[in-house]
Amino acid sequence: MTIKGYCLCGQVTYVIEAEHQGAGICHCDSCRRGSGSAYSLVIEVPTKALTISGPYKEFVVTGASGKPSHRIFCPNCGSQIANQAEAYPDITWIKAGTLDYEVQKTLKPDSEVFTSLRLPYIQDRAPIQRE
């Protein structure tokens, strides 16, 4: 399967030559601030199956593991594209809002992480909950 997506201005595009491994909701402070929203919806994909095209930048933060986490974004429009955590080099998390609409509308989050940081007004719940 081929999954495609792009940033708001279209300068950064990507292709994933694999099925995604699930969709998840992240409630960590870094994802909330980076997305400008109450949480971040992502899909998990194999890093080796992902090709990102166009000029992009990375902002490095310290992940929950204590290791660096690379947040990939468009330098023109600011859209976040992906997160690559050095603690999990074989996995990349793609920001679901950048996926083609036909893929977005089929997503069903199957897990949530950092649920202890979930904002009290968030009603969404996924089957798997992790602190």
C-alpha atoms as a PDB file:
ATOM      1  CA  MET A   1       0.000   0.000   0.000  1.00  0.00           C
ATOM      2  CA  THR A   2       1.129   3.561  -0.699  1.00  0.00           C
ATOM      3  CA  ILE A   3       0.172   6.338   1.715  1.00  0.00           C
ATOM      4  CA  LYS A   4       0.823   9.972   0.791  1.00  0.00           C
ATOM      5  CA  GLY A   5       0.634  13.307   2.514  1.00  0.00           C
ATOM      6  CA  TYR A   6       1.857  16.879   2.516  1.00  0.00           C
ATOM      7  CA  CYS A   7       2.134  20.051   4.550  1.00  0.00           C
ATOM      8  CA  LEU A   8      -0.263  23.009   4.365  1.00  0.00           C
ATOM      9  CA  CYS A   9       1.664  24.796   1.595  1.00  0.00           C
ATOM     10  CA  GLY A  10       2.590  21.601  -0.291  1.00  0.00           C
ATOM     11  CA  GLN A  11       6.347  22.258  -0.132  1.00  0.00           C
ATOM     12  CA  VAL A  12       7.004  19.117   1.948  1.00  0.00           C
ATOM     13  CA  THR A  13       5.493  15.847   0.744  1.00  0.00           C
ATOM     14  CA  TYR A  14       5.967  12.256   1.769  1.00  0.00           C
ATOM     15  CA  VAL A  15       5.263   8.734   0.601  1.00  0.00           C
ATOM     16  CA  ILE A  16       4.940   5.683   2.825  1.00  0.00           C
ATOM     17  CA  GLU A  17       5.347   2.344   1.056  1.00  0.00           C
ATOM     18  CA  ALA A  18       3.720   0.248   3.778  1.00  0.00           C
ATOM     19  CA  GLU A  19       0.572  -0.160   5.814  1.00  0.00           C
ATOM     20  CA  HIS A  20       0.455   1.983   8.912  1.00  0.00           C
ATOM     21  CA  GLN A  21       0.826   0.083  12.171  1.00  0.00           C
ATOM     22  CA  GLY A  22      -1.991   1.861  13.964  1.00  0.00           C
ATOM     23  CA  ALA A  23      -3.312   5.289  14.841  1.00  0.00           C
ATOM     24  CA  GLY A  24      -2.790   6.800  18.241  1.00  0.00           C
ATOM     25  CA  ILE A  25      -3.536   9.830  20.349  1.00  0.00           C
ATOM     26  CA  CYS A  26      -0.656  11.431  22.234  1.00  0.00           C
ATOM     27  CA  HIS A  27      -1.371  13.707  25.194  1.00  0.00           C
ATOM     28  CA  CYS A  28       2.227  14.672  26.023  1.00  0.00           C
ATOM     29  CA  ASP A  29       3.033  18.346  26.517  1.00  0.00           C
ATOM     30  CA  SER A  30       5.422  18.345  23.558  1.00  0.00           C
ATOM     31  CA  CYS A  31       2.757  17.069  21.142  1.00  0.00           C
ATOM     32  CA  ARG A  32       0.142  19.496  22.452  1.00  0.00           C
ATOM     33  CA  ARG A  33       2.424  22.490  22.097  1.00  0.00           C
ATOM     34  CA  GLY A  34       3.819  21.379  18.748  1.00  0.00           C
ATOM     35  CA  SER A  35       0.389  20.791  17.258  1.00  0.00           C
ATOM     36  CA  GLY A  36      -1.251  23.784  18.884  1.00  0.00           C
ATOM     37  CA  SER A  37      -4.091  21.480  19.896  1.00  0.00           C
ATOM     38  CA  ALA A  38      -5.324  19.452  22.859  1.00  0.00           C
ATOM     39  CA  TYR A  39      -3.555  16.306  21.629  1.00  0.00           C
ATOM     40  CA  SER A  40      -1.842  14.907  18.567  1.00  0.00           C
ATOM     41  CA  LEU A  41      -3.286  12.183  16.331  1.00  0.00           C
ATOM     42  CA  VAL A  42      -0.539  10.171  14.637  1.00  0.00           C
ATOM     43  CA  ILE A  43      -0.046   7.002  12.640  1.00  0.00           C
ATOM     44  CA  GLU A  44       2.882   4.693  13.243  1.00  0.00           C
ATOM     45  CA  VAL A  45       4.890   3.676  10.165  1.00  0.00           C
ATOM     46  CA  PRO A  46       8.163   1.835   9.545  1.00  0.00           C
ATOM     47  CA  THR A  47      10.936   4.443   9.186  1.00  0.00           C
ATOM     48  CA  LYS A  48      12.489   2.534   6.274  1.00  0.00           C
ATOM     49  CA  ALA A  49       9.191   2.794   4.326  1.00  0.00           C
ATOM     50  CA  LEU A  50       9.024   6.607   4.585  1.00  0.00           C
ATOM     51  CA  THR A  51      10.411   9.047   2.008  1.00  0.00           C
ATOM     52  CA  ILE A  52      10.115  12.761   2.760  1.00  0.00           C
ATOM     53  CA  SER A  53      10.639  15.201  -0.132  1.00  0.00           C
ATOM     54  CA  GLY A  54      11.127  18.940  -0.157  1.00  0.00           C
ATOM     55  CA  PRO A  55      13.108  21.131   2.184  1.00  0.00           C
ATOM     56  CA  TYR A  56      12.185  20.464   5.791  1.00  0.00           C
ATOM     57  CA  LYS A  57      13.609  21.332   9.170  1.00  0.00           C
ATOM     58  CA  GLU A  58      13.930  19.433  12.416  1.00  0.00           C
ATOM     59  CA  PHE A  59      13.412  20.641  15.951  1.00  0.00           C
ATOM     60  CA  VAL A  60      14.977  18.316  18.515  1.00  0.00           C
ATOM     61  CA  VAL A  61      13.407  17.833  21.938  1.00  0.00           C
ATOM     62  CA  THR A  62      14.162  15.398  24.726  1.00  0.00           C
ATOM     63  CA  GLY A  63      11.638  12.559  24.603  1.00  0.00           C
ATOM     64  CA  ALA A  64      10.141  10.702  27.558  1.00  0.00           C
ATOM     65  CA  SER A  65      12.934   8.119  27.168  1.00  0.00           C
ATOM     66  CA  GLY A  66      15.523  10.822  27.809  1.00  0.00           C
ATOM     67  CA  LYS A  67      16.777  10.445  24.237  1.00  0.00           C
ATOM     68  CA  PRO A  68      16.378  13.020  21.446  1.00  0.00           C
ATOM     69  CA  SER A  69      13.180  13.154  19.453  1.00  0.00           C
ATOM     70  CA  HIS A  70      13.281  14.824  16.026  1.00  0.00           C
ATOM     71  CA  ARG A  71      10.176  16.798  15.088  1.00  0.00           C
ATOM     72  CA  ILE A  72      10.093  17.274  11.326  1.00  0.00           C
ATOM     73  CA  PHE A  73       8.248  20.305   9.973  1.00  0.00           C
ATOM     74  CA  CYS A  74       7.888  22.551   6.939  1.00  0.00           C
ATOM     75  CA  PRO A  75      10.052  25.691   7.232  1.00  0.00           C
ATOM     76  CA  ASN A  76       7.624  27.624   5.029  1.00  0.00           C
ATOM     77  CA  CYS A  77       4.177  26.994   6.551  1.00  0.00           C
ATOM     78  CA  GLY A  78       5.219  25.429   9.877  1.00  0.00           C
ATOM     79  CA  SER A  79       3.152  22.246   9.512  1.00  0.00           C
ATOM     80  CA  GLN A  80       4.454  19.387  11.615  1.00  0.00           C
ATOM     81  CA  ILE A  81       4.964  16.310   9.469  1.00  0.00           C
ATOM     82  CA  ALA A  82       6.528  13.619  11.638  1.00  0.00           C
ATOM     83  CA  ASN A  83       8.269  12.659  14.842  1.00  0.00           C
ATOM     84  CA  GLN A  84      11.280  10.338  14.880  1.00  0.00           C
ATOM     85  CA  ALA A  85      12.381   9.317  18.372  1.00  0.00           C
ATOM     86  CA  GLU A  86      15.925   7.991  18.731  1.00  0.00           C
ATOM     87  CA  ALA A  87      14.580   5.551  21.327  1.00  0.00           C
ATOM     88  CA  TYR A  88      12.561   3.871  18.538  1.00  0.00           C
ATOM     89  CA  PRO A  89      14.646   4.213  15.347  1.00  0.00           C
ATOM     90  CA  ASP A  90      12.541   1.774  13.313  1.00  0.00           C
ATOM     91  CA  ILE A  91       9.306   3.730  13.860  1.00  0.00           C
ATOM     92  CA  THR A  92       8.194   7.166  12.678  1.00  0.00           C
ATOM     93  CA  TRP A  93       4.986   8.830  13.783  1.00  0.00           C
ATOM     94  CA  ILE A  94       3.274  10.806  11.024  1.00  0.00           C
ATOM     95  CA  LYS A  95       0.945  13.646  11.989  1.00  0.00           C
ATOM     96  CA  ALA A  96      -2.465  12.448  10.809  1.00  0.00           C
ATOM     97  CA  GLY A  97      -3.595  15.903   9.679  1.00  0.00           C
ATOM     98  CA  THR A  98      -0.992  15.807   6.894  1.00  0.00           C
ATOM     99  CA  LEU A  99      -2.288  12.558   5.375  1.00  0.00           C
ATOM    100  CA  ASP A 100      -4.394  12.573   2.236  1.00  0.00           C
ATOM    101  CA  TYR A 101      -8.046  12.983   3.203  1.00  0.00           C
ATOM    102  CA  GLU A 102      -9.012   9.513   1.956  1.00  0.00           C
ATOM    103  CA  VAL A 103      -6.647   8.022   4.549  1.00  0.00           C
ATOM    104  CA  GLN A 104      -7.580  10.475   7.320  1.00  0.00           C
ATOM    105  CA  LYS A 105     -11.251   9.592   7.184  1.00  0.00           C
ATOM    106  CA  THR A 106     -10.520   5.868   7.692  1.00  0.00           C
ATOM    107  CA  LEU A 107      -8.440   6.269  10.858  1.00  0.00           C
ATOM    108  CA  LYS A 108      -9.663   4.785  14.112  1.00  0.00           C
ATOM    109  CA  PRO A 109      -7.303   5.504  16.996  1.00  0.00           C
ATOM    110  CA  ASP A 110      -6.442   2.257  18.751  1.00  0.00           C
ATOM    111  CA  SER A 111      -4.216   3.607  21.510  1.00  0.00           C
ATOM    112  CA  GLU A 112      -3.539   6.626  23.685  1.00  0.00           C
ATOM    113  CA  VAL A 113      -0.293   7.532  25.405  1.00  0.00           C
ATOM    114  CA  PHE A 114       0.489   9.906  28.262  1.00  0.00           C
ATOM    115  CA  THR A 115      -3.115   9.602  29.421  1.00  0.00           C
ATOM    116  CA  SER A 116      -2.173  11.026  32.824  1.00  0.00           C
ATOM    117  CA  LEU A 117      -1.661  14.324  30.957  1.00  0.00           C
ATOM    118  CA  ARG A 118      -4.989  14.164  29.088  1.00  0.00           C
ATOM    119  CA  LEU A 119      -6.816  17.463  29.476  1.00  0.00           C
ATOM    120  CA  PRO A 120      -9.972  17.006  31.567  1.00  0.00           C
ATOM    121  CA  TYR A 121     -12.382  18.102  28.824  1.00  0.00           C
ATOM    122  CA  ILE A 122     -11.152  15.573  26.238  1.00  0.00           C
ATOM    123  CA  GLN A 123     -13.835  12.934  25.681  1.00  0.00           C
ATOM    124  CA  ASP A 124     -12.069  10.862  22.996  1.00  0.00           C
ATOM    125  CA  ARG A 125     -10.953   7.444  24.218  1.00  0.00           C
ATOM    126  CA  ALA A 126      -9.051   4.697  22.423  1.00  0.00           C
ATOM    127  CA  PRO A 127      -9.136   0.996  23.426  1.00  0.00           C
ATOM    128  CA  ILE A 128      -5.528   0.911  24.702  1.00  0.00           C
ATOM    129  CA  GLN A 129      -4.614   3.460  27.394  1.00  0.00           C
ATOM    130  CA  ARG A 130      -1.027   4.034  28.571  1.00  0.00           C
ATOM    131  CA  GLU A 131       0.207   6.501  31.162  1.00  0.00           C
END
